[in-house]
Amino acid sequence: MKKVAIIMGSDSDFPIVSKAIKQLKDFGVPFEVRVMSAHRTPDEASEFAKSAIKNGFGVIIAAAGMAAHLGGVLAANTTLPVIGIPCKGPCFDGMDALLATVMMPTGIPVATVAVNGAANAAILAVQILALSDDELAEKLAENRKTMAETVIAKDKDIQSRVDEI
């Protein structure tokens, strides 16, 4: 199975990224977590992306706040899918990171999830890998079934509580 790279622009993004780590662990997907900066270590970030396919990665997740150029730098240096997690920073409530992540030039896409949406970034990475992995696809289907069963149970609980009022 291909690995997922989780690259964060700063170690301060780790509390957000931890939700992606949990999802990948739950699905049994191998991953590596690194800190690389689009601005402070651009050569390292570029080299990581350039060698990602050779190193067994299938998807890259890039978490960054504020200027949030990390996803774009990684995407510019690989043909692998890159998923951006815009991280809420001290200014603009995360809108700056969201706009920097989604506004990519034609030909260099970065799929983008919600601000601080690390769990969905991991699930999207799993969906991408599942295109060529039937076992992983089955785990995704089972996960969806479990989510639906949970909602149905909550609906029944609410209905019984409404009846008691």
Protein backbone atom coordinates (compact mmCIF):
# COMPACT_ATOMS: atom_id res chain seq x y z
CA MET A 1 0.00 0.00 0.00
CA LYS A 2 1.19 3.50 -0.80
CA LYS A 3 1.98 5.82 2.09
CA VAL A 4 0.47 9.21 2.87
CA ALA A 5 2.80 12.11 3.66
CA ILE A 6 1.54 14.63 6.17
CA ILE A 7 3.64 17.77 5.93
CA MET A 8 2.99 20.68 8.26
CA GLY A 9 4.48 24.11 7.90
CA SER A 10 5.07 24.45 11.63
CA ASP A 11 5.00 22.18 14.64
CA SER A 12 2.23 24.45 15.97
CA ASP A 13 -0.03 22.75 13.37
CA PHE A 14 0.38 19.37 15.10
CA PRO A 15 -2.83 19.56 17.20
CA ILE A 16 -4.77 20.01 13.94
CA VAL A 17 -2.81 17.37 12.03
CA SER A 18 -3.32 14.83 14.83
CA LYS A 19 -6.89 14.33 13.60
CA ALA A 20 -5.54 13.20 10.21
CA ILE A 21 -3.08 10.88 11.92
CA LYS A 22 -5.91 9.25 13.88
CA GLN A 23 -7.97 8.70 10.73
CA LEU A 24 -5.06 7.15 8.84
CA LYS A 25 -4.31 4.86 11.80
CA ASP A 26 -7.98 3.83 11.97
CA PHE A 27 -7.88 2.81 8.29
CA GLY A 28 -4.49 1.11 8.63
CA VAL A 29 -2.84 3.41 6.10
CA PRO A 30 0.92 3.91 6.49
CA PHE A 31 2.07 7.50 6.77
CA GLU A 32 4.95 9.79 7.63
CA VAL A 33 4.67 13.15 9.38
CA ARG A 34 7.18 15.93 8.74
CA VAL A 35 7.65 19.65 9.40
CA MET A 36 8.76 21.62 6.34
CA SER A 37 8.27 25.25 5.52
CA ALA A 38 7.52 26.64 2.07
CA HIS A 39 9.45 29.75 3.10
CA ARG A 40 12.08 28.69 5.64
CA THR A 41 13.04 25.31 4.11
CA PRO A 42 11.90 25.57 0.48
CA ASP A 43 14.67 23.33 -0.86
CA GLU A 44 13.78 20.52 1.56
CA ALA A 45 10.06 20.81 0.77
CA SER A 46 10.73 20.77 -2.97
CA GLU A 47 13.10 17.81 -2.73
CA PHE A 48 10.63 15.86 -0.58
CA ALA A 49 7.90 16.35 -3.19
CA LYS A 50 10.21 15.51 -6.10
CA SER A 51 11.19 12.19 -4.50
CA ALA A 52 7.79 11.31 -2.99
CA ILE A 53 6.75 8.86 -5.72
CA LYS A 54 10.11 7.07 -5.58
CA ASN A 55 9.78 6.91 -1.78
CA GLY A 56 6.44 5.10 -1.90
CA PHE A 57 3.95 7.89 -1.30
CA GLY A 58 0.56 8.00 -3.02
CA VAL A 59 -0.86 11.23 -1.59
CA ILE A 60 0.55 14.27 0.19
CA ILE A 61 -1.37 16.24 2.82
CA ALA A 62 -0.07 19.77 3.43
CA ALA A 63 -1.16 21.67 6.54
CA ALA A 64 -0.28 25.35 6.75
CA GLY A 65 -1.62 28.57 8.18
CA MET A 66 -1.37 32.24 7.32
CA ALA A 67 0.37 32.53 3.92
CA ALA A 68 -0.21 28.76 3.44
CA HIS A 69 2.03 28.28 0.42
CA LEU A 70 3.15 24.79 1.46
CA GLY A 71 0.53 22.89 -0.55
CA GLY A 72 1.39 24.83 -3.67
CA VAL A 73 5.13 24.34 -3.29
CA LEU A 74 4.64 20.59 -2.84
CA ALA A 75 2.15 20.35 -5.73
CA ALA A 76 4.50 22.25 -8.04
CA ASN A 77 7.14 19.58 -7.49
CA THR A 78 5.14 16.34 -7.86
CA THR A 79 2.34 14.81 -9.88
CA LEU A 80 0.90 13.15 -6.77
CA PRO A 81 -2.41 14.46 -5.44
CA VAL A 82 -1.85 17.13 -2.79
CA ILE A 83 -4.55 17.88 -0.23
CA GLY A 84 -4.30 21.19 1.59
CA ILE A 85 -5.45 21.80 5.15
CA PRO A 86 -5.71 25.54 5.72
CA CYS A 87 -4.94 26.08 9.40
CA LYS A 88 -6.53 28.79 11.44
CA GLY A 89 -3.92 31.30 12.51
CA PRO A 90 -3.86 34.41 14.67
CA CYS A 91 -5.17 36.66 11.89
CA PHE A 92 -8.24 36.59 9.67
CA ASP A 93 -9.77 33.50 11.35
CA GLY A 94 -8.10 31.16 8.84
CA MET A 95 -9.50 32.91 5.77
CA ASP A 96 -5.98 33.89 4.68
CA ALA A 97 -4.83 30.25 4.75
CA LEU A 98 -7.99 29.07 2.99
CA LEU A 99 -7.60 31.54 0.13
CA ALA A 100 -3.87 30.87 -0.22
CA THR A 101 -4.54 27.13 -0.41
CA VAL A 102 -7.43 27.14 -2.88
CA MET A 103 -6.17 29.84 -5.26
CA MET A 104 -3.78 27.72 -7.30
CA PRO A 105 -2.84 28.35 -10.93
CA THR A 106 -4.19 26.09 -13.66
CA GLY A 107 -2.18 22.89 -13.89
CA ILE A 108 -1.03 22.84 -10.24
CA PRO A 109 -4.13 21.85 -8.24
CA VAL A 110 -4.30 21.49 -4.48
CA ALA A 111 -7.47 19.81 -3.26
CA THR A 112 -8.55 21.77 -0.21
CA VAL A 113 -10.62 20.82 2.82
CA ALA A 114 -12.18 23.11 5.41
CA VAL A 115 -10.12 25.26 7.73
CA ASN A 116 -8.65 22.84 10.30
CA GLY A 117 -10.31 19.97 8.38
CA ALA A 118 -7.55 17.41 8.95
CA ALA A 119 -9.88 14.42 9.45
CA ASN A 120 -11.48 15.02 6.05
CA ALA A 121 -8.05 15.46 4.45
CA ALA A 122 -7.10 12.00 5.68
CA ILE A 123 -10.39 10.48 4.53
CA LEU A 124 -9.92 12.04 1.09
CA ALA A 125 -6.39 10.60 0.97
CA VAL A 126 -7.81 7.18 1.86
CA GLN A 127 -10.44 7.53 -0.88
CA ILE A 128 -7.70 8.31 -3.42
CA LEU A 129 -5.63 5.30 -2.34
CA ALA A 130 -8.73 3.08 -2.33
CA LEU A 131 -9.11 3.57 -6.08
CA SER A 132 -6.41 0.92 -6.48
CA ASP A 133 -6.87 -1.00 -3.22
CA ASP A 134 -10.01 -3.12 -2.82
CA GLU A 135 -9.36 -3.84 0.87
CA LEU A 136 -9.14 -0.13 1.63
CA ALA A 137 -12.27 0.51 -0.43
CA GLU A 138 -14.11 -2.05 1.72
CA LYS A 139 -12.93 -0.31 4.90
CA LEU A 140 -14.29 2.98 3.54
CA ALA A 141 -17.66 1.37 2.75
CA GLU A 142 -17.81 -0.13 6.24
CA ASN A 143 -16.95 3.24 7.77
CA ARG A 144 -19.80 4.91 5.87
CA LYS A 145 -22.19 2.17 7.01
CA THR A 146 -21.12 2.68 10.63
CA MET A 147 -21.60 6.45 10.35
CA ALA A 148 -25.11 5.93 8.95
CA GLU A 149 -26.00 3.48 11.71
CA THR A 150 -24.83 6.01 14.31
CA VAL A 151 -27.05 8.74 12.85
CA ILE A 152 -30.05 6.39 12.66
CA ALA A 153 -29.56 5.44 16.33
CA LYS A 154 -29.35 9.13 17.31
CA ASP A 155 -32.52 9.83 15.33
CA LYS A 156 -34.38 7.07 17.17
CA ASP A 157 -33.12 8.41 20.50
CA ILE A 158 -34.29 11.93 19.68
CA GLN A 159 -37.70 10.65 18.54
CA SER A 160 -38.20 8.81 21.83
CA ARG A 161 -37.14 11.90 23.79
CA VAL A 162 -39.58 14.08 21.83
CA ASP A 163 -42.38 11.66 22.61
CA GLU A 164 -41.58 11.98 26.33
CA ILE A 165 -42.04 15.77 26.35
